């Protein structure tokens, strides 16, 4: 076998092992669940901090988690509940947000990172419902936290998200920069301490060129026509500078959302006059960032702590 084929096979085996580890943990039930709308997917799970780490035992910082899965229906918030519990065990109060995702099956779109071209899978996301839900959840959180997670301090809120959820986290922090006719636009920056985006689909132009997650960002925006018209409303790389502290955490061996996507966002931020942190982890792929058994997950928790405290 040629050297490049050996290296490719080794990389694929490592990626598969990382994914298997991340999904091997049993789901962790929340301490409370609250609805922010009428749809069954419009809910937020709350996890109280398991230890008191605030000075004097005060309120804990609030971490809002937006899960990934290419905005596709098979991947819901349950797969990041071990990650949410991991953060709670580090002393954070956690809000794990669900939102509406794509659910119509189409040919040629696989459901996983290694799915083949002949697979059948769901469309990525819904327009505009996916964005409706993230905006509504963020707007509802302060009141819901006061009722369902009184241990949390919503004034110290950090939003984190993985993969497609990383995109949504960056987008949620940029709503004040949306076009004037956007229904999700807010008048001033969201009251966030910061954003920690994990292997985010952060630049739609680059992600589209690389066919990230089987063309997921193009599907999210409704295909070729929708992509052109809607990208100004959805692409975080076009919504800069946010004025909100932002860090990207990216595995250098990530084959699902390659490093180039995060780098493109960081470059766009720099051109807009904003410094965005970019933490690149050697020999780390896509899934260790949300895997409590991986060292990379501890790095993520530390990045969150640096903004939250």
C-alpha atoms as a PDB file:
ATOM      1  CA  UNK A   1       0.000   0.000   0.000  1.00  0.00           C
ATOM      2  CA  UNK A   2       1.451   3.449  -0.933  1.00  0.00           C
ATOM      3  CA  UNK A   3       2.481   5.720   1.921  1.00  0.00           C
ATOM      4  CA  UNK A   4      -0.342   8.208   1.303  1.00  0.00           C
ATOM      5  CA  UNK A   5      -2.899   5.404   1.360  1.00  0.00           C
ATOM      6  CA  UNK A   6      -1.479   4.133   4.642  1.00  0.00           C
ATOM      7  CA  UNK A   7      -1.642   7.610   6.138  1.00  0.00           C
ATOM      8  CA  UNK A   8      -5.201   8.080   4.905  1.00  0.00           C
ATOM      9  CA  UNK A   9      -6.284   4.742   6.354  1.00  0.00           C
ATOM     10  CA  UNK A  10      -4.673   5.598   9.690  1.00  0.00           C
ATOM     11  CA  UNK A  11      -6.402   8.989   9.750  1.00  0.00           C
ATOM     12  CA  UNK A  12      -9.775   7.411   8.980  1.00  0.00           C
ATOM     13  CA  UNK A  13      -9.271   4.818  11.713  1.00  0.00           C
ATOM     14  CA  UNK A  14      -8.371   7.506  14.231  1.00  0.00           C
ATOM     15  CA  UNK A  15     -11.384   9.624  13.266  1.00  0.00           C
ATOM     16  CA  UNK A  16     -13.674   6.613  13.610  1.00  0.00           C
ATOM     17  CA  UNK A  17     -12.241   5.816  17.051  1.00  0.00           C
ATOM     18  CA  UNK A  18     -12.701   9.422  18.160  1.00  0.00           C
ATOM     19  CA  UNK A  19     -16.322   9.431  17.016  1.00  0.00           C
ATOM     20  CA  UNK A  20     -16.997   6.088  18.708  1.00  0.00           C
ATOM     21  CA  UNK A  21     -15.563   7.381  21.987  1.00  0.00           C
ATOM     22  CA  UNK A  22     -17.573  10.606  21.902  1.00  0.00           C
ATOM     23  CA  UNK A  23     -20.819   8.722  21.320  1.00  0.00           C
ATOM     24  CA  UNK A  24     -20.087   5.933  23.805  1.00  0.00           C
ATOM     25  CA  UNK A  25     -21.159   7.857  26.904  1.00  0.00           C
ATOM     26  CA  UNK A  26     -24.686   7.337  28.217  1.00  0.00           C
ATOM     27  CA  UNK A  27     -26.992  10.324  27.953  1.00  0.00           C
ATOM     28  CA  UNK A  28     -27.288  12.381  31.136  1.00  0.00           C
ATOM     29  CA  UNK A  29     -30.751  13.539  32.136  1.00  0.00           C
ATOM     30  CA  UNK A  30     -31.093  17.243  32.978  1.00  0.00           C
ATOM     31  CA  UNK A  31     -32.176  18.691  36.288  1.00  0.00           C
ATOM     32  CA  UNK A  32     -34.990  20.574  34.560  1.00  0.00           C
ATOM     33  CA  UNK A  33     -36.416  21.166  31.078  1.00  0.00           C
ATOM     34  CA  UNK A  34     -38.337  24.219  29.920  1.00  0.00           C
ATOM     35  CA  UNK A  35     -40.091  25.118  26.684  1.00  0.00           C
ATOM     36  CA  UNK A  36     -39.416  28.356  24.822  1.00  0.00           C
ATOM     37  CA  UNK A  37     -42.086  27.653  22.174  1.00  0.00           C
ATOM     38  CA  UNK A  38     -44.869  25.286  21.210  1.00  0.00           C
ATOM     39  CA  UNK A  39     -42.905  22.885  18.982  1.00  0.00           C
ATOM     40  CA  UNK A  40     -41.561  19.721  20.687  1.00  0.00           C
ATOM     41  CA  UNK A  41     -38.033  20.747  19.639  1.00  0.00           C
ATOM     42  CA  UNK A  42     -38.326  24.182  21.244  1.00  0.00           C
ATOM     43  CA  UNK A  43     -36.958  23.154  24.633  1.00  0.00           C
ATOM     44  CA  UNK A  44     -33.911  23.796  26.806  1.00  0.00           C
ATOM     45  CA  UNK A  45     -32.403  21.315  29.258  1.00  0.00           C
ATOM     46  CA  UNK A  46     -30.847  22.793  32.397  1.00  0.00           C
ATOM     47  CA  UNK A  47     -27.951  21.340  34.406  1.00  0.00           C
ATOM     48  CA  UNK A  48     -27.144  22.790  37.804  1.00  0.00           C
ATOM     49  CA  UNK A  49     -23.464  23.120  38.746  1.00  0.00           C
ATOM     50  CA  UNK A  50     -22.273  20.001  40.542  1.00  0.00           C
ATOM     51  CA  UNK A  51     -19.622  21.862  42.539  1.00  0.00           C
ATOM     52  CA  UNK A  52     -19.439  25.404  43.876  1.00  0.00           C
ATOM     53  CA  UNK A  53     -16.452  27.194  42.403  1.00  0.00           C
ATOM     54  CA  UNK A  54     -17.669  30.793  42.482  1.00  0.00           C
ATOM     55  CA  UNK A  55     -15.958  32.997  45.079  1.00  0.00           C
ATOM     56  CA  UNK A  56     -17.989  32.853  48.275  1.00  0.00           C
ATOM     57  CA  UNK A  57     -20.271  30.228  46.797  1.00  0.00           C
ATOM     58  CA  UNK A  58     -22.100  32.734  44.618  1.00  0.00           C
ATOM     59  CA  UNK A  59     -23.967  32.145  41.371  1.00  0.00           C
ATOM     60  CA  UNK A  60     -22.249  30.129  38.665  1.00  0.00           C
ATOM     61  CA  UNK A  61     -21.521  31.337  35.134  1.00  0.00           C
ATOM     62  CA  UNK A  62     -24.052  30.154  32.585  1.00  0.00           C
ATOM     63  CA  UNK A  63     -22.849  28.146  29.581  1.00  0.00           C
ATOM     64  CA  UNK A  64     -25.310  27.858  26.699  1.00  0.00           C
ATOM     65  CA  UNK A  65     -24.660  24.750  24.591  1.00  0.00           C
ATOM     66  CA  UNK A  66     -25.771  24.509  20.944  1.00  0.00           C
ATOM     67  CA  UNK A  67     -25.291  21.003  19.625  1.00  0.00           C
ATOM     68  CA  UNK A  68     -23.980  20.027  16.214  1.00  0.00           C
ATOM     69  CA  UNK A  69     -24.953  17.373  13.706  1.00  0.00           C
ATOM     70  CA  UNK A  70     -25.024  19.393  10.471  1.00  0.00           C
ATOM     71  CA  UNK A  71     -28.423  20.850  11.424  1.00  0.00           C
ATOM     72  CA  UNK A  72     -29.909  17.416  10.559  1.00  0.00           C
ATOM     73  CA  UNK A  73     -32.735  15.716  12.437  1.00  0.00           C
ATOM     74  CA  UNK A  74     -31.001  12.492  13.558  1.00  0.00           C
ATOM     75  CA  UNK A  75     -28.648  14.495  15.749  1.00  0.00           C
ATOM     76  CA  UNK A  76     -30.416  16.087  18.676  1.00  0.00           C
ATOM     77  CA  UNK A  77     -29.262  17.529  21.988  1.00  0.00           C
ATOM     78  CA  UNK A  78     -29.014  14.123  23.663  1.00  0.00           C
ATOM     79  CA  UNK A  79     -25.606  13.408  22.157  1.00  0.00           C
ATOM     80  CA  UNK A  80     -24.066  16.406  23.956  1.00  0.00           C
ATOM     81  CA  UNK A  81     -25.643  15.721  27.355  1.00  0.00           C
ATOM     82  CA  UNK A  82     -22.405  14.068  28.588  1.00  0.00           C
ATOM     83  CA  UNK A  83     -20.585  17.253  27.545  1.00  0.00           C
ATOM     84  CA  UNK A  84     -23.187  19.374  29.363  1.00  0.00           C
ATOM     85  CA  UNK A  85     -22.744  17.213  32.470  1.00  0.00           C
ATOM     86  CA  UNK A  86     -18.960  17.530  32.144  1.00  0.00           C
ATOM     87  CA  UNK A  87     -19.278  21.316  32.238  1.00  0.00           C
ATOM     88  CA  UNK A  88     -21.675  21.137  35.197  1.00  0.00           C
ATOM     89  CA  UNK A  89     -19.098  19.057  37.049  1.00  0.00           C
ATOM     90  CA  UNK A  90     -16.592  21.853  36.420  1.00  0.00           C
ATOM     91  CA  UNK A  91     -18.849  24.284  38.262  1.00  0.00           C
ATOM     92  CA  UNK A  92     -20.817  25.803  35.390  1.00  0.00           C
ATOM     93  CA  UNK A  93     -24.573  26.112  35.113  1.00  0.00           C
ATOM     94  CA  UNK A  94     -25.537  24.753  31.709  1.00  0.00           C
ATOM     95  CA  UNK A  95     -28.411  25.335  29.292  1.00  0.00           C
ATOM     96  CA  UNK A  96     -28.520  22.735  26.503  1.00  0.00           C
ATOM     97  CA  UNK A  97     -30.681  24.122  23.690  1.00  0.00           C
ATOM     98  CA  UNK A  98     -32.733  22.101  21.228  1.00  0.00           C
ATOM     99  CA  UNK A  99     -33.898  23.602  17.937  1.00  0.00           C
ATOM    100  CA  UNK A 100     -35.681  22.505  14.796  1.00  0.00           C
ATOM    101  CA  UNK A 101     -33.520  20.680  12.253  1.00  0.00           C
ATOM    102  CA  UNK A 102     -33.975  19.342   8.742  1.00  0.00           C
ATOM    103  CA  UNK A 103     -36.102  16.243   8.425  1.00  0.00           C
ATOM    104  CA  UNK A 104     -36.845  15.586   4.747  1.00  0.00           C
ATOM    105  CA  UNK A 105     -34.936  12.655   3.248  1.00  0.00           C
ATOM    106  CA  UNK A 106     -33.113  13.193  -0.024  1.00  0.00           C
ATOM    107  CA  UNK A 107     -30.851  10.874  -2.051  1.00  0.00           C
ATOM    108  CA  UNK A 108     -27.120  11.227  -1.899  1.00  0.00           C
ATOM    109  CA  UNK A 109     -26.787  12.782   1.560  1.00  0.00           C
ATOM    110  CA  UNK A 110     -25.254  10.618   4.254  1.00  0.00           C
ATOM    111  CA  UNK A 111     -26.067  10.944   7.939  1.00  0.00           C
ATOM    112  CA  UNK A 112     -22.555  10.669   9.320  1.00  0.00           C
ATOM    113  CA  UNK A 113     -19.034  11.826   8.676  1.00  0.00           C
ATOM    114  CA  UNK A 114     -18.192   8.634   6.811  1.00  0.00           C
ATOM    115  CA  UNK A 115     -21.474   8.184   4.933  1.00  0.00           C
ATOM    116  CA  UNK A 116     -21.202   7.408   1.250  1.00  0.00           C
ATOM    117  CA  UNK A 117     -22.596   9.326  -1.693  1.00  0.00           C
ATOM    118  CA  UNK A 118     -25.352   6.777  -2.241  1.00  0.00           C
ATOM    119  CA  UNK A 119     -26.814   7.063   1.222  1.00  0.00           C
ATOM    120  CA  UNK A 120     -30.169   8.642   1.955  1.00  0.00           C
ATOM    121  CA  UNK A 121     -30.317  11.244   4.684  1.00  0.00           C
ATOM    122  CA  UNK A 122     -32.145  14.338   5.857  1.00  0.00           C
ATOM    123  CA  UNK A 123     -31.706  17.856   4.606  1.00  0.00           C
ATOM    124  CA  UNK A 124     -29.580  20.133   6.787  1.00  0.00           C
ATOM    125  CA  UNK A 125     -31.714  22.518   8.776  1.00  0.00           C
ATOM    126  CA  UNK A 126     -34.906  24.416   8.059  1.00  0.00           C
ATOM    127  CA  UNK A 127     -35.192  27.946   6.793  1.00  0.00           C
ATOM    128  CA  UNK A 128     -36.143  30.016   8.694  1.00  0.00           C
ATOM    129  CA  UNK A 129     -37.148  27.776  11.607  1.00  0.00           C
ATOM    130  CA  UNK A 130     -33.634  26.794  12.714  1.00  0.00           C
ATOM    131  CA  UNK A 131     -32.704  30.466  13.066  1.00  0.00           C
ATOM    132  CA  UNK A 132     -36.093  31.358  14.546  1.00  0.00           C
ATOM    133  CA  UNK A 133     -35.475  28.857  17.310  1.00  0.00           C
ATOM    134  CA  UNK A 134     -31.953  29.885  18.221  1.00  0.00           C
ATOM    135  CA  UNK A 135     -32.994  33.545  18.374  1.00  0.00           C
ATOM    136  CA  UNK A 136     -36.087  32.714  20.448  1.00  0.00           C
ATOM    137  CA  UNK A 137     -34.128  30.480  22.821  1.00  0.00           C
ATOM    138  CA  UNK A 138     -31.485  33.122  23.428  1.00  0.00           C
ATOM    139  CA  UNK A 139     -34.138  35.770  24.042  1.00  0.00           C
ATOM    140  CA  UNK A 140     -36.059  33.521  26.444  1.00  0.00           C
ATOM    141  CA  UNK A 141     -33.046  32.315  28.426  1.00  0.00           C
ATOM    142  CA  UNK A 142     -32.735  35.057  31.087  1.00  0.00           C
ATOM    143  CA  UNK A 143     -36.310  34.549  32.305  1.00  0.00           C
ATOM    144  CA  UNK A 144     -36.147  30.749  32.057  1.00  0.00           C
ATOM    145  CA  UNK A 145     -32.859  30.659  33.945  1.00  0.00           C
ATOM    146  CA  UNK A 146     -34.325  32.681  36.806  1.00  0.00           C
ATOM    147  CA  UNK A 147     -37.128  30.120  37.100  1.00  0.00           C
ATOM    148  CA  UNK A 148     -35.463  26.800  36.297  1.00  0.00           C
ATOM    149  CA  UNK A 149     -31.764  27.333  37.047  1.00  0.00           C
ATOM    150  CA  UNK A 150     -31.523  29.781  39.956  1.00  0.00           C
ATOM    151  CA  UNK A 151     -27.899  28.750  40.591  1.00  0.00           C
ATOM    152  CA  UNK A 152     -26.882  30.508  37.337  1.00  0.00           C
ATOM    153  CA  UNK A 153     -25.803  34.072  36.745  1.00  0.00           C
ATOM    154  CA  UNK A 154     -27.119  35.075  33.287  1.00  0.00           C
ATOM    155  CA  UNK A 155     -24.906  38.175  33.443  1.00  0.00           C
ATOM    156  CA  UNK A 156     -21.933  35.830  33.025  1.00  0.00           C
ATOM    157  CA  UNK A 157     -23.129  33.949  29.965  1.00  0.00           C
ATOM    158  CA  UNK A 158     -20.878  32.164  27.475  1.00  0.00           C
ATOM    159  CA  UNK A 159     -22.278  30.484  24.379  1.00  0.00           C
ATOM    160  CA  UNK A 160     -20.537  27.400  23.052  1.00  0.00           C
ATOM    161  CA  UNK A 161     -21.436  25.111  20.179  1.00  0.00           C
ATOM    162  CA  UNK A 162     -19.908  22.246  18.253  1.00  0.00           C
ATOM    163  CA  UNK A 163     -19.719  22.017  14.457  1.00  0.00           C
ATOM    164  CA  UNK A 164     -23.098  23.259  13.148  1.00  0.00           C
ATOM    165  CA  UNK A 165     -23.769  24.361  16.715  1.00  0.00           C
ATOM    166  CA  UNK A 166     -20.545  26.353  16.578  1.00  0.00           C
ATOM    167  CA  UNK A 167     -21.996  28.190  13.606  1.00  0.00           C
ATOM    168  CA  UNK A 168     -25.168  28.916  15.566  1.00  0.00           C
ATOM    169  CA  UNK A 169     -23.153  30.161  18.556  1.00  0.00           C
ATOM    170  CA  UNK A 170     -21.241  32.632  16.378  1.00  0.00           C
ATOM    171  CA  UNK A 171     -24.469  33.671  14.657  1.00  0.00           C
ATOM    172  CA  UNK A 172     -26.253  34.211  17.980  1.00  0.00           C
ATOM    173  CA  UNK A 173     -23.489  36.611  19.014  1.00  0.00           C
ATOM    174  CA  UNK A 174     -23.792  38.569  15.763  1.00  0.00           C
ATOM    175  CA  UNK A 175     -27.530  39.249  15.592  1.00  0.00           C
ATOM    176  CA  UNK A 176     -26.988  42.981  16.061  1.00  0.00           C
ATOM    177  CA  UNK A 177     -25.071  42.959  12.758  1.00  0.00           C
ATOM    178  CA  UNK A 178     -27.761  41.244  10.694  1.00  0.00           C
ATOM    179  CA  UNK A 179     -29.300  43.140   7.763  1.00  0.00           C
ATOM    180  CA  UNK A 180     -31.899  45.676   8.847  1.00  0.00           C
ATOM    181  CA  UNK A 181     -34.783  43.603   7.468  1.00  0.00           C
ATOM    182  CA  UNK A 182     -33.821  40.446   9.399  1.00  0.00           C
ATOM    183  CA  UNK A 183     -36.488  39.326  11.843  1.00  0.00           C
ATOM    184  CA  UNK A 184     -33.760  38.079  14.219  1.00  0.00           C
ATOM    185  CA  UNK A 185     -31.867  41.364  14.408  1.00  0.00           C
ATOM    186  CA  UNK A 186     -31.423  42.967  17.828  1.00  0.00           C
ATOM    187  CA  UNK A 187     -30.554  46.591  18.470  1.00  0.00           C
ATOM    188  CA  UNK A 188     -27.407  46.045  20.526  1.00  0.00           C
ATOM    189  CA  UNK A 189     -24.883  43.261  21.132  1.00  0.00           C
ATOM    190  CA  UNK A 190     -26.225  40.321  23.103  1.00  0.00           C
ATOM    191  CA  UNK A 191     -25.228  40.412  26.806  1.00  0.00           C
ATOM    192  CA  UNK A 192     -22.583  37.705  26.508  1.00  0.00           C
ATOM    193  CA  UNK A 193     -19.218  37.290  28.182  1.00  0.00           C
ATOM    194  CA  UNK A 194     -18.081  35.488  25.075  1.00  0.00           C
ATOM    195  CA  UNK A 195     -18.358  32.697  22.541  1.00  0.00           C
ATOM    196  CA  UNK A 196     -16.324  29.486  22.379  1.00  0.00           C
ATOM    197  CA  UNK A 197     -17.002  27.850  19.014  1.00  0.00           C
ATOM    198  CA  UNK A 198     -15.807  24.258  18.623  1.00  0.00           C
ATOM    199  CA  UNK A 199     -14.826  23.174  15.106  1.00  0.00           C
ATOM    200  CA  UNK A 200     -17.475  25.592  13.845  1.00  0.00           C
ATOM    201  CA  UNK A 201     -18.908  25.814  10.351  1.00  0.00           C
ATOM    202  CA  UNK A 202     -17.886  29.433  10.607  1.00  0.00           C
ATOM    203  CA  UNK A 203     -17.362  30.527   7.007  1.00  0.00           C
ATOM    204  CA  UNK A 204     -20.030  29.353   4.566  1.00  0.00           C
ATOM    205  CA  UNK A 205     -18.094  30.192   1.416  1.00  0.00           C
ATOM    206  CA  UNK A 206     -15.120  28.068   2.435  1.00  0.00           C
ATOM    207  CA  UNK A 207     -17.314  25.319   3.895  1.00  0.00           C
ATOM    208  CA  UNK A 208     -19.312  25.171   0.674  1.00  0.00           C
ATOM    209  CA  UNK A 209     -16.159  24.894  -1.450  1.00  0.00           C
ATOM    210  CA  UNK A 210     -14.949  22.056   0.764  1.00  0.00           C
ATOM    211  CA  UNK A 211     -18.370  20.356   0.689  1.00  0.00           C
ATOM    212  CA  UNK A 212     -18.407  20.219   4.490  1.00  0.00           C
ATOM    213  CA  UNK A 213     -20.912  17.651   5.800  1.00  0.00           C
ATOM    214  CA  UNK A 214     -22.179  16.878   2.298  1.00  0.00           C
ATOM    215  CA  UNK A 215     -23.072  20.440   1.356  1.00  0.00           C
ATOM    216  CA  UNK A 216     -24.895  21.092   4.625  1.00  0.00           C
ATOM    217  CA  UNK A 217     -24.612  24.885   4.639  1.00  0.00           C
ATOM    218  CA  UNK A 218     -26.027  25.092   1.098  1.00  0.00           C
ATOM    219  CA  UNK A 219     -28.917  22.843   2.131  1.00  0.00           C
ATOM    220  CA  UNK A 220     -29.514  24.937   5.241  1.00  0.00           C
ATOM    221  CA  UNK A 221     -30.074  27.987   3.073  1.00  0.00           C
ATOM    222  CA  UNK A 222     -32.318  26.224   0.570  1.00  0.00           C
ATOM    223  CA  UNK A 223     -29.981  25.245  -2.265  1.00  0.00           C
ATOM    224  CA  UNK A 224     -28.092  27.337  -4.811  1.00  0.00           C
ATOM    225  CA  UNK A 225     -30.681  30.108  -5.111  1.00  0.00           C
ATOM    226  CA  UNK A 226     -31.272  30.335  -1.409  1.00  0.00           C
ATOM    227  CA  UNK A 227     -27.560  30.288  -0.671  1.00  0.00           C
ATOM    228  CA  UNK A 228     -26.896  33.462  -2.633  1.00  0.00           C
ATOM    229  CA  UNK A 229     -29.882  35.352  -1.264  1.00  0.00           C
ATOM    230  CA  UNK A 230     -29.696  34.159   2.330  1.00  0.00           C
ATOM    231  CA  UNK A 231     -25.989  33.934   3.087  1.00  0.00           C
ATOM    232  CA  UNK A 232     -25.832  37.582   4.320  1.00  0.00           C
ATOM    233  CA  UNK A 233     -28.357  36.584   7.014  1.00  0.00           C
ATOM    234  CA  UNK A 234     -26.632  33.371   8.068  1.00  0.00           C
ATOM    235  CA  UNK A 235     -22.863  33.387   7.521  1.00  0.00           C
ATOM    236  CA  UNK A 236     -20.928  34.435  10.647  1.00  0.00           C
ATOM    237  CA  UNK A 237     -17.907  35.381   8.526  1.00  0.00           C
ATOM    238  CA  UNK A 238     -20.014  38.158   7.004  1.00  0.00           C
ATOM    239  CA  UNK A 239     -21.233  39.406  10.406  1.00  0.00           C
ATOM    240  CA  UNK A 240     -18.124  41.018  11.846  1.00  0.00           C
ATOM    241  CA  UNK A 241     -16.859  42.603  14.022  1.00  0.00           C
ATOM    242  CA  UNK A 242     -19.186  41.502  16.814  1.00  0.00           C
ATOM    243  CA  UNK A 243     -17.447  43.259  19.694  1.00  0.00           C
ATOM    244  CA  UNK A 244     -17.906  40.069  21.752  1.00  0.00           C
ATOM    245  CA  UNK A 245     -14.911  38.046  22.931  1.00  0.00           C
ATOM    246  CA  UNK A 246     -14.670  34.984  20.699  1.00  0.00           C
ATOM    247  CA  UNK A 247     -12.460  31.907  20.710  1.00  0.00           C
ATOM    248  CA  UNK A 248     -12.436  29.090  18.192  1.00  0.00           C
ATOM    249  CA  UNK A 249     -11.154  25.666  19.234  1.00  0.00           C
ATOM    250  CA  UNK A 250     -10.171  23.443  16.339  1.00  0.00           C
ATOM    251  CA  UNK A 251      -8.559  20.048  15.954  1.00  0.00           C
ATOM    252  CA  UNK A 252      -5.829  20.080  13.342  1.00  0.00           C
ATOM    253  CA  UNK A 253      -6.692  16.598  12.088  1.00  0.00           C
ATOM    254  CA  UNK A 254     -10.423  17.308  11.805  1.00  0.00           C
ATOM    255  CA  UNK A 255     -11.702  15.813   8.546  1.00  0.00           C
ATOM    256  CA  UNK A 256     -15.366  16.700   9.157  1.00  0.00           C
ATOM    257  CA  UNK A 257     -14.960  20.477   9.453  1.00  0.00           C
ATOM    258  CA  UNK A 258     -11.364  21.129   8.372  1.00  0.00           C
ATOM    259  CA  UNK A 259      -9.092  23.679  10.005  1.00  0.00           C
ATOM    260  CA  UNK A 260      -9.355  25.914   6.926  1.00  0.00           C
ATOM    261  CA  UNK A 261     -12.928  26.857   7.851  1.00  0.00           C
ATOM    262  CA  UNK A 262     -11.993  28.203  11.287  1.00  0.00           C
ATOM    263  CA  UNK A 263      -8.939  29.939   9.860  1.00  0.00           C
ATOM    264  CA  UNK A 264     -11.095  31.680   7.251  1.00  0.00           C
ATOM    265  CA  UNK A 265     -13.343  33.077   9.973  1.00  0.00           C
ATOM    266  CA  UNK A 266     -10.366  34.260  12.027  1.00  0.00           C
ATOM    267  CA  UNK A 267      -8.927  35.942   8.923  1.00  0.00           C
ATOM    268  CA  UNK A 268     -12.261  37.635   8.193  1.00  0.00           C
ATOM    269  CA  UNK A 269     -12.400  38.897  11.771  1.00  0.00           C
ATOM    270  CA  UNK A 270      -8.878  40.296  11.521  1.00  0.00           C
ATOM    271  CA  UNK A 271      -9.780  42.126   8.311  1.00  0.00           C
ATOM    272  CA  UNK A 272     -12.785  43.588  10.146  1.00  0.00           C
ATOM    273  CA  UNK A 273     -10.509  44.836  12.919  1.00  0.00           C
ATOM    274  CA  UNK A 274     -11.370  42.178  15.492  1.00  0.00           C
ATOM    275  CA  UNK A 275      -9.027  39.749  17.212  1.00  0.00           C
ATOM    276  CA  UNK A 276     -10.492  36.253  17.480  1.00  0.00           C
ATOM    277  CA  UNK A 277      -8.707  33.560  19.446  1.00  0.00           C
ATOM    278  CA  UNK A 278      -7.884  30.396  17.513  1.00  0.00           C
ATOM    279  CA  UNK A 279      -6.757  27.438  19.593  1.00  0.00           C
ATOM    280  CA  UNK A 280      -5.433  24.678  17.333  1.00  0.00           C
ATOM    281  CA  UNK A 281      -5.039  21.247  18.908  1.00  0.00           C
ATOM    282  CA  UNK A 282      -2.485  18.851  17.434  1.00  0.00           C
ATOM    283  CA  UNK A 283      -3.546  15.269  16.691  1.00  0.00           C
ATOM    284  CA  UNK A 284      -7.176  16.068  17.506  1.00  0.00           C
ATOM    285  CA  UNK A 285     -10.088  15.502  15.162  1.00  0.00           C
ATOM    286  CA  UNK A 286     -13.718  16.584  15.210  1.00  0.00           C
ATOM    287  CA  UNK A 287     -15.290  14.785  18.149  1.00  0.00           C
ATOM    288  CA  UNK A 288     -12.798  14.934  21.060  1.00  0.00           C
ATOM    289  CA  UNK A 289     -13.868  18.543  21.667  1.00  0.00           C
ATOM    290  CA  UNK A 290     -17.165  17.295  23.152  1.00  0.00           C
ATOM    291  CA  UNK A 291     -15.887  13.965  24.518  1.00  0.00           C
ATOM    292  CA  UNK A 292     -15.515  14.046  28.329  1.00  0.00           C
ATOM    293  CA  UNK A 293     -12.948  11.252  28.072  1.00  0.00           C
ATOM    294  CA  UNK A 294     -10.650  13.309  25.821  1.00  0.00           C
ATOM    295  CA  UNK A 295      -8.004  15.791  26.908  1.00  0.00           C
ATOM    296  CA  UNK A 296      -9.353  18.209  24.295  1.00  0.00           C
ATOM    297  CA  UNK A 297     -12.597  18.525  26.233  1.00  0.00           C
ATOM    298  CA  UNK A 298     -10.690  19.818  29.253  1.00  0.00           C
ATOM    299  CA  UNK A 299      -9.072  22.425  26.992  1.00  0.00           C
ATOM    300  CA  UNK A 300     -12.547  23.502  25.897  1.00  0.00           C
ATOM    301  CA  UNK A 301     -13.674  23.869  29.516  1.00  0.00           C
ATOM    302  CA  UNK A 302     -10.629  26.028  30.252  1.00  0.00           C
ATOM    303  CA  UNK A 303     -11.332  28.266  27.254  1.00  0.00           C
ATOM    304  CA  UNK A 304     -14.889  28.731  28.512  1.00  0.00           C
ATOM    305  CA  UNK A 305     -13.657  29.470  32.023  1.00  0.00           C
ATOM    306  CA  UNK A 306     -11.300  32.171  30.770  1.00  0.00           C
ATOM    307  CA  UNK A 307     -14.266  34.068  29.328  1.00  0.00           C
ATOM    308  CA  UNK A 308     -16.858  33.220  31.981  1.00  0.00           C
ATOM    309  CA  UNK A 309     -14.954  34.132  35.136  1.00  0.00           C
END
